[in-house]
Amino acid sequence: MINSPLPSSDRSKQDESVHVIVRAGPQGAIAVAGVATAIVVGLWFAFYLLVYLPRVYVP
């Protein structure tokens, strides 16, 4: 609440936990970017194979 005392926290413990997370690297972001890229490439191939190629060979 407004008049509640602030909880005491160990600043060095929080800093260490942040450093552990940062050292692990951006693995999740790289995974999301890889999945998004795979989806875009897959949609491009699907469009090329299912829409573009059939229209090219029409006599």
PDB file of N, CA and C in Angstrom:
ATOM      1  N   MET A   1       0.821  -1.175   0.000  1.00  0.00           N
ATOM      2  CA  MET A   1       0.000   0.000   0.000  1.00  0.00           C
ATOM      3  C   MET A   1       0.869   1.245   0.000  1.00  0.00           C
ATOM      4  N   ILE A   2       0.252   2.373   0.147  1.00  0.00           N
ATOM      5  CA  ILE A   2       0.993   3.624   0.055  1.00  0.00           C
ATOM      6  C   ILE A   2       1.981   3.771   1.205  1.00  0.00           C
ATOM      7  N   ASN A   3       1.569   3.432   2.422  1.00  0.00           N
ATOM      8  CA  ASN A   3       2.419   3.628   3.589  1.00  0.00           C
ATOM      9  C   ASN A   3       3.194   2.376   3.978  1.00  0.00           C
ATOM     10  N   SER A   4       3.169   1.376   3.149  1.00  0.00           N
ATOM     11  CA  SER A   4       3.890   0.147   3.457  1.00  0.00           C
ATOM     12  C   SER A   4       5.387   0.373   3.301  1.00  0.00           C
ATOM     13  N   PRO A   5       6.166  -0.245   4.152  1.00  0.00           N
ATOM     14  CA  PRO A   5       7.617  -0.100   3.992  1.00  0.00           C
ATOM     15  C   PRO A   5       8.083  -0.848   2.743  1.00  0.00           C
ATOM     16  N   LEU A   6       9.109  -0.320   2.130  1.00  0.00           N
ATOM     17  CA  LEU A   6       9.653  -0.969   0.945  1.00  0.00           C
ATOM     18  C   LEU A   6      10.298  -2.292   1.329  1.00  0.00           C
ATOM     19  N   PRO A   7      10.091  -3.316   0.528  1.00  0.00           N
ATOM     20  CA  PRO A   7      10.723  -4.599   0.847  1.00  0.00           C
ATOM     21  C   PRO A   7      12.236  -4.485   0.678  1.00  0.00           C
ATOM     22  N   SER A   8      12.934  -5.072   1.613  1.00  0.00           N
ATOM     23  CA  SER A   8      14.393  -5.047   1.500  1.00  0.00           C
ATOM     24  C   SER A   8      14.814  -6.070   0.454  1.00  0.00           C
ATOM     25  N   SER A   9      15.698  -5.668  -0.396  1.00  0.00           N
ATOM     26  CA  SER A   9      16.141  -6.575  -1.453  1.00  0.00           C
ATOM     27  C   SER A   9      17.656  -6.559  -1.524  1.00  0.00           C
ATOM     28  N   ASP A  10      18.170  -7.681  -1.905  1.00  0.00           N
ATOM     29  CA  ASP A  10      19.614  -7.811  -2.068  1.00  0.00           C
ATOM     30  C   ASP A  10      19.954  -7.455  -3.513  1.00  0.00           C
ATOM     31  N   ARG A  11      20.486  -6.267  -3.713  1.00  0.00           N
ATOM     32  CA  ARG A  11      20.750  -5.744  -5.053  1.00  0.00           C
ATOM     33  C   ARG A  11      21.747  -6.617  -5.818  1.00  0.00           C
ATOM     34  N   SER A  12      22.763  -7.112  -5.136  1.00  0.00           N
ATOM     35  CA  SER A  12      23.769  -7.923  -5.828  1.00  0.00           C
ATOM     36  C   SER A  12      23.182  -9.253  -6.291  1.00  0.00           C
ATOM     37  N   LYS A  13      22.227  -9.790  -5.533  1.00  0.00           N
ATOM     38  CA  LYS A  13      21.582 -11.041  -5.939  1.00  0.00           C
ATOM     39  C   LYS A  13      20.759 -10.816  -7.205  1.00  0.00           C
ATOM     40  N   GLN A  14      20.062  -9.692  -7.274  1.00  0.00           N
ATOM     41  CA  GLN A  14      19.286  -9.374  -8.469  1.00  0.00           C
ATOM     42  C   GLN A  14      20.207  -9.144  -9.665  1.00  0.00           C
ATOM     43  N   ASP A  15      21.305  -8.433  -9.442  1.00  0.00           N
ATOM     44  CA  ASP A  15      22.252  -8.187 -10.532  1.00  0.00           C
ATOM     45  C   ASP A  15      22.832  -9.494 -11.064  1.00  0.00           C
ATOM     46  N   GLU A  16      23.145 -10.413 -10.183  1.00  0.00           N
ATOM     47  CA  GLU A  16      23.705 -11.700 -10.606  1.00  0.00           C
ATOM     48  C   GLU A  16      22.691 -12.489 -11.427  1.00  0.00           C
ATOM     49  N   SER A  17      21.424 -12.465 -11.023  1.00  0.00           N
ATOM     50  CA  SER A  17      20.412 -13.195 -11.788  1.00  0.00           C
ATOM     51  C   SER A  17      20.225 -12.578 -13.172  1.00  0.00           C
ATOM     52  N   VAL A  18      20.336 -11.259 -13.273  1.00  0.00           N
ATOM     53  CA  VAL A  18      20.249 -10.603 -14.575  1.00  0.00           C
ATOM     54  C   VAL A  18      21.438 -10.997 -15.445  1.00  0.00           C
ATOM     55  N   HIS A  19      22.618 -11.048 -14.873  1.00  0.00           N
ATOM     56  CA  HIS A  19      23.810 -11.434 -15.636  1.00  0.00           C
ATOM     57  C   HIS A  19      23.719 -12.876 -16.129  1.00  0.00           C
ATOM     58  N   VAL A  20      23.135 -13.754 -15.350  1.00  0.00           N
ATOM     59  CA  VAL A  20      22.958 -15.149 -15.778  1.00  0.00           C
ATOM     60  C   VAL A  20      22.024 -15.208 -16.982  1.00  0.00           C
ATOM     61  N   ILE A  21      20.955 -14.433 -16.939  1.00  0.00           N
ATOM     62  CA  ILE A  21      20.000 -14.418 -18.051  1.00  0.00           C
ATOM     63  C   ILE A  21      20.650 -13.852 -19.304  1.00  0.00           C
ATOM     64  N   VAL A  22      21.402 -12.771 -19.159  1.00  0.00           N
ATOM     65  CA  VAL A  22      22.041 -12.139 -20.313  1.00  0.00           C
ATOM     66  C   VAL A  22      23.111 -13.048 -20.908  1.00  0.00           C
ATOM     67  N   ARG A  23      23.842 -13.771 -20.075  1.00  0.00           N
ATOM     68  CA  ARG A  23      24.871 -14.689 -20.571  1.00  0.00           C
ATOM     69  C   ARG A  23      24.270 -15.816 -21.400  1.00  0.00           C
ATOM     70  N   ALA A  24      23.033 -16.191 -21.114  1.00  0.00           N
ATOM     71  CA  ALA A  24      22.395 -17.273 -21.862  1.00  0.00           C
ATOM     72  C   ALA A  24      22.167 -16.880 -23.317  1.00  0.00           C
ATOM     73  N   GLY A  25      22.062 -15.598 -23.605  1.00  0.00           N
ATOM     74  CA  GLY A  25      21.929 -15.130 -24.975  1.00  0.00           C
ATOM     75  C   GLY A  25      20.489 -15.074 -25.438  1.00  0.00           C
ATOM     76  N   PRO A  26      20.308 -14.556 -26.637  1.00  0.00           N
ATOM     77  CA  PRO A  26      18.966 -14.368 -27.187  1.00  0.00           C
ATOM     78  C   PRO A  26      18.453 -15.606 -27.919  1.00  0.00           C
ATOM     79  N   GLN A  27      18.463 -16.745 -27.277  1.00  0.00           N
ATOM     80  CA  GLN A  27      18.073 -17.992 -27.945  1.00  0.00           C
ATOM     81  C   GLN A  27      16.608 -17.972 -28.371  1.00  0.00           C
ATOM     82  N   GLY A  28      15.746 -17.451 -27.538  1.00  0.00           N
ATOM     83  CA  GLY A  28      14.324 -17.407 -27.876  1.00  0.00           C
ATOM     84  C   GLY A  28      14.049 -16.507 -29.064  1.00  0.00           C
ATOM     85  N   ALA A  29      14.707 -15.362 -29.114  1.00  0.00           N
ATOM     86  CA  ALA A  29      14.512 -14.433 -30.227  1.00  0.00           C
ATOM     87  C   ALA A  29      15.012 -15.044 -31.529  1.00  0.00           C
ATOM     88  N   ILE A  30      16.117 -15.749 -31.463  1.00  0.00           N
ATOM     89  CA  ILE A  30      16.647 -16.400 -32.663  1.00  0.00           C
ATOM     90  C   ILE A  30      15.702 -17.506 -33.127  1.00  0.00           C
ATOM     91  N   ALA A  31      15.120 -18.235 -32.198  1.00  0.00           N
ATOM     92  CA  ALA A  31      14.172 -19.291 -32.560  1.00  0.00           C
ATOM     93  C   ALA A  31      12.927 -18.706 -33.221  1.00  0.00           C
ATOM     94  N   VAL A  32      12.403 -17.622 -32.672  1.00  0.00           N
ATOM     95  CA  VAL A  32      11.215 -16.982 -33.256  1.00  0.00           C
ATOM     96  C   VAL A  32      11.530 -16.452 -34.647  1.00  0.00           C
ATOM     97  N   ALA A  33      12.694 -15.831 -34.820  1.00  0.00           N
ATOM     98  CA  ALA A  33      13.084 -15.317 -36.133  1.00  0.00           C
ATOM     99  C   ALA A  33      13.255 -16.455 -37.135  1.00  0.00           C
ATOM    100  N   GLY A  34      13.811 -17.575 -36.695  1.00  0.00           N
ATOM    101  CA  GLY A  34      13.974 -18.721 -37.584  1.00  0.00           C
ATOM    102  C   GLY A  34      12.648 -19.315 -38.019  1.00  0.00           C
ATOM    103  N   VAL A  35      11.717 -19.429 -37.094  1.00  0.00           N
ATOM    104  CA  VAL A  35      10.390 -19.959 -37.432  1.00  0.00           C
ATOM    105  C   VAL A  35       9.669 -19.016 -38.387  1.00  0.00           C
ATOM    106  N   ALA A  36       9.750 -17.721 -38.135  1.00  0.00           N
ATOM    107  CA  ALA A  36       9.100 -16.751 -39.019  1.00  0.00           C
ATOM    108  C   ALA A  36       9.701 -16.797 -40.419  1.00  0.00           C
ATOM    109  N   THR A  37      11.008 -16.922 -40.510  1.00  0.00           N
ATOM    110  CA  THR A  37      11.667 -17.012 -41.812  1.00  0.00           C
ATOM    111  C   THR A  37      11.254 -18.283 -42.541  1.00  0.00           C
ATOM    112  N   ALA A  38      11.175 -19.390 -41.825  1.00  0.00           N
ATOM    113  CA  ALA A  38      10.749 -20.650 -42.445  1.00  0.00           C
ATOM    114  C   ALA A  38       9.321 -20.550 -42.968  1.00  0.00           C
ATOM    115  N   ILE A  39       8.454 -19.883 -42.232  1.00  0.00           N
ATOM    116  CA  ILE A  39       7.068 -19.715 -42.684  1.00  0.00           C
ATOM    117  C   ILE A  39       7.020 -18.882 -43.960  1.00  0.00           C
ATOM    118  N   VAL A  40       7.774 -17.790 -44.003  1.00  0.00           N
ATOM    119  CA  VAL A  40       7.781 -16.930 -45.191  1.00  0.00           C
ATOM    120  C   VAL A  40       8.328 -17.683 -46.399  1.00  0.00           C
ATOM    121  N   VAL A  41       9.413 -18.412 -46.228  1.00  0.00           N
ATOM    122  CA  VAL A  41       9.986 -19.175 -47.341  1.00  0.00           C
ATOM    123  C   VAL A  41       9.014 -20.262 -47.791  1.00  0.00           C
ATOM    124  N   GLY A  42       8.363 -20.924 -46.852  1.00  0.00           N
ATOM    125  CA  GLY A  42       7.375 -21.944 -47.200  1.00  0.00           C
ATOM    126  C   GLY A  42       6.203 -21.374 -47.980  1.00  0.00           C
ATOM    127  N   LEU A  43       5.714 -20.212 -47.566  1.00  0.00           N
ATOM    128  CA  LEU A  43       4.618 -19.575 -48.302  1.00  0.00           C
ATOM    129  C   LEU A  43       5.064 -19.154 -49.699  1.00  0.00           C
ATOM    130  N   TRP A  44       6.298 -18.698 -49.828  1.00  0.00           N
ATOM    131  CA  TRP A  44       6.801 -18.312 -51.140  1.00  0.00           C
ATOM    132  C   TRP A  44       6.854 -19.527 -52.068  1.00  0.00           C
ATOM    133  N   PHE A  45       7.388 -20.652 -51.575  1.00  0.00           N
ATOM    134  CA  PHE A  45       7.434 -21.865 -52.393  1.00  0.00           C
ATOM    135  C   PHE A  45       6.031 -22.357 -52.730  1.00  0.00           C
ATOM    136  N   ALA A  46       5.111 -22.295 -51.782  1.00  0.00           N
ATOM    137  CA  ALA A  46       3.739 -22.723 -52.052  1.00  0.00           C
ATOM    138  C   ALA A  46       3.117 -21.858 -53.140  1.00  0.00           C
ATOM    139  N   PHE A  47       3.285 -20.561 -53.070  1.00  0.00           N
ATOM    140  CA  PHE A  47       2.756 -19.673 -54.101  1.00  0.00           C
ATOM    141  C   PHE A  47       3.397 -19.982 -55.450  1.00  0.00           C
ATOM    142  N   TYR A  48       4.705 -20.165 -55.454  1.00  0.00           N
ATOM    143  CA  TYR A  48       5.414 -20.434 -56.701  1.00  0.00           C
ATOM    144  C   TYR A  48       4.939 -21.740 -57.328  1.00  0.00           C
ATOM    145  N   LEU A  49       4.835 -22.788 -56.531  1.00  0.00           N
ATOM    146  CA  LEU A  49       4.474 -24.102 -57.069  1.00  0.00           C
ATOM    147  C   LEU A  49       2.988 -24.230 -57.387  1.00  0.00           C
ATOM    148  N   LEU A  50       2.140 -23.626 -56.585  1.00  0.00           N
ATOM    149  CA  LEU A  50       0.701 -23.827 -56.749  1.00  0.00           C
ATOM    150  C   LEU A  50       0.020 -22.754 -57.594  1.00  0.00           C
ATOM    151  N   VAL A  51       0.606 -21.593 -57.722  1.00  0.00           N
ATOM    152  CA  VAL A  51      -0.043 -20.513 -58.470  1.00  0.00           C
ATOM    153  C   VAL A  51       0.760 -20.137 -59.710  1.00  0.00           C
ATOM    154  N   TYR A  52       2.030 -19.862 -59.562  1.00  0.00           N
ATOM    155  CA  TYR A  52       2.813 -19.349 -60.680  1.00  0.00           C
ATOM    156  C   TYR A  52       3.094 -20.415 -61.735  1.00  0.00           C
ATOM    157  N   LEU A  53       3.623 -21.568 -61.342  1.00  0.00           N
ATOM    158  CA  LEU A  53       3.969 -22.600 -62.330  1.00  0.00           C
ATOM    159  C   LEU A  53       2.767 -23.109 -63.118  1.00  0.00           C
ATOM    160  N   PRO A  54       1.621 -23.370 -62.506  1.00  0.00           N
ATOM    161  CA  PRO A  54       0.486 -23.819 -63.322  1.00  0.00           C
ATOM    162  C   PRO A  54       0.051 -22.785 -64.363  1.00  0.00           C
ATOM    163  N   ARG A  55       0.222 -21.512 -64.105  1.00  0.00           N
ATOM    164  CA  ARG A  55      -0.175 -20.484 -65.068  1.00  0.00           C
ATOM    165  C   ARG A  55       0.824 -20.379 -66.211  1.00  0.00           C
ATOM    166  N   VAL A  56       2.071 -20.737 -65.990  1.00  0.00           N
ATOM    167  CA  VAL A  56       3.090 -20.639 -67.034  1.00  0.00           C
ATOM    168  C   VAL A  56       2.853 -21.688 -68.106  1.00  0.00           C
ATOM    169  N   TYR A  57       2.444 -22.886 -67.747  1.00  0.00           N
ATOM    170  CA  TYR A  57       2.310 -24.000 -68.691  1.00  0.00           C
ATOM    171  C   TYR A  57       0.943 -24.084 -69.352  1.00  0.00           C
ATOM    172  N   VAL A  58       0.080 -23.118 -69.156  1.00  0.00           N
ATOM    173  CA  VAL A  58      -1.226 -23.128 -69.816  1.00  0.00           C
ATOM    174  C   VAL A  58      -1.016 -22.750 -71.282  1.00  0.00           C
ATOM    175  N   PRO A  59      -1.473 -23.617 -72.220  1.00  0.00           N
ATOM    176  CA  PRO A  59      -1.256 -23.318 -73.657  1.00  0.00           C
ATOM    177  C   PRO A  59      -2.148 -22.204 -74.170  1.00  0.00           C
TER     178      PRO A  59
END
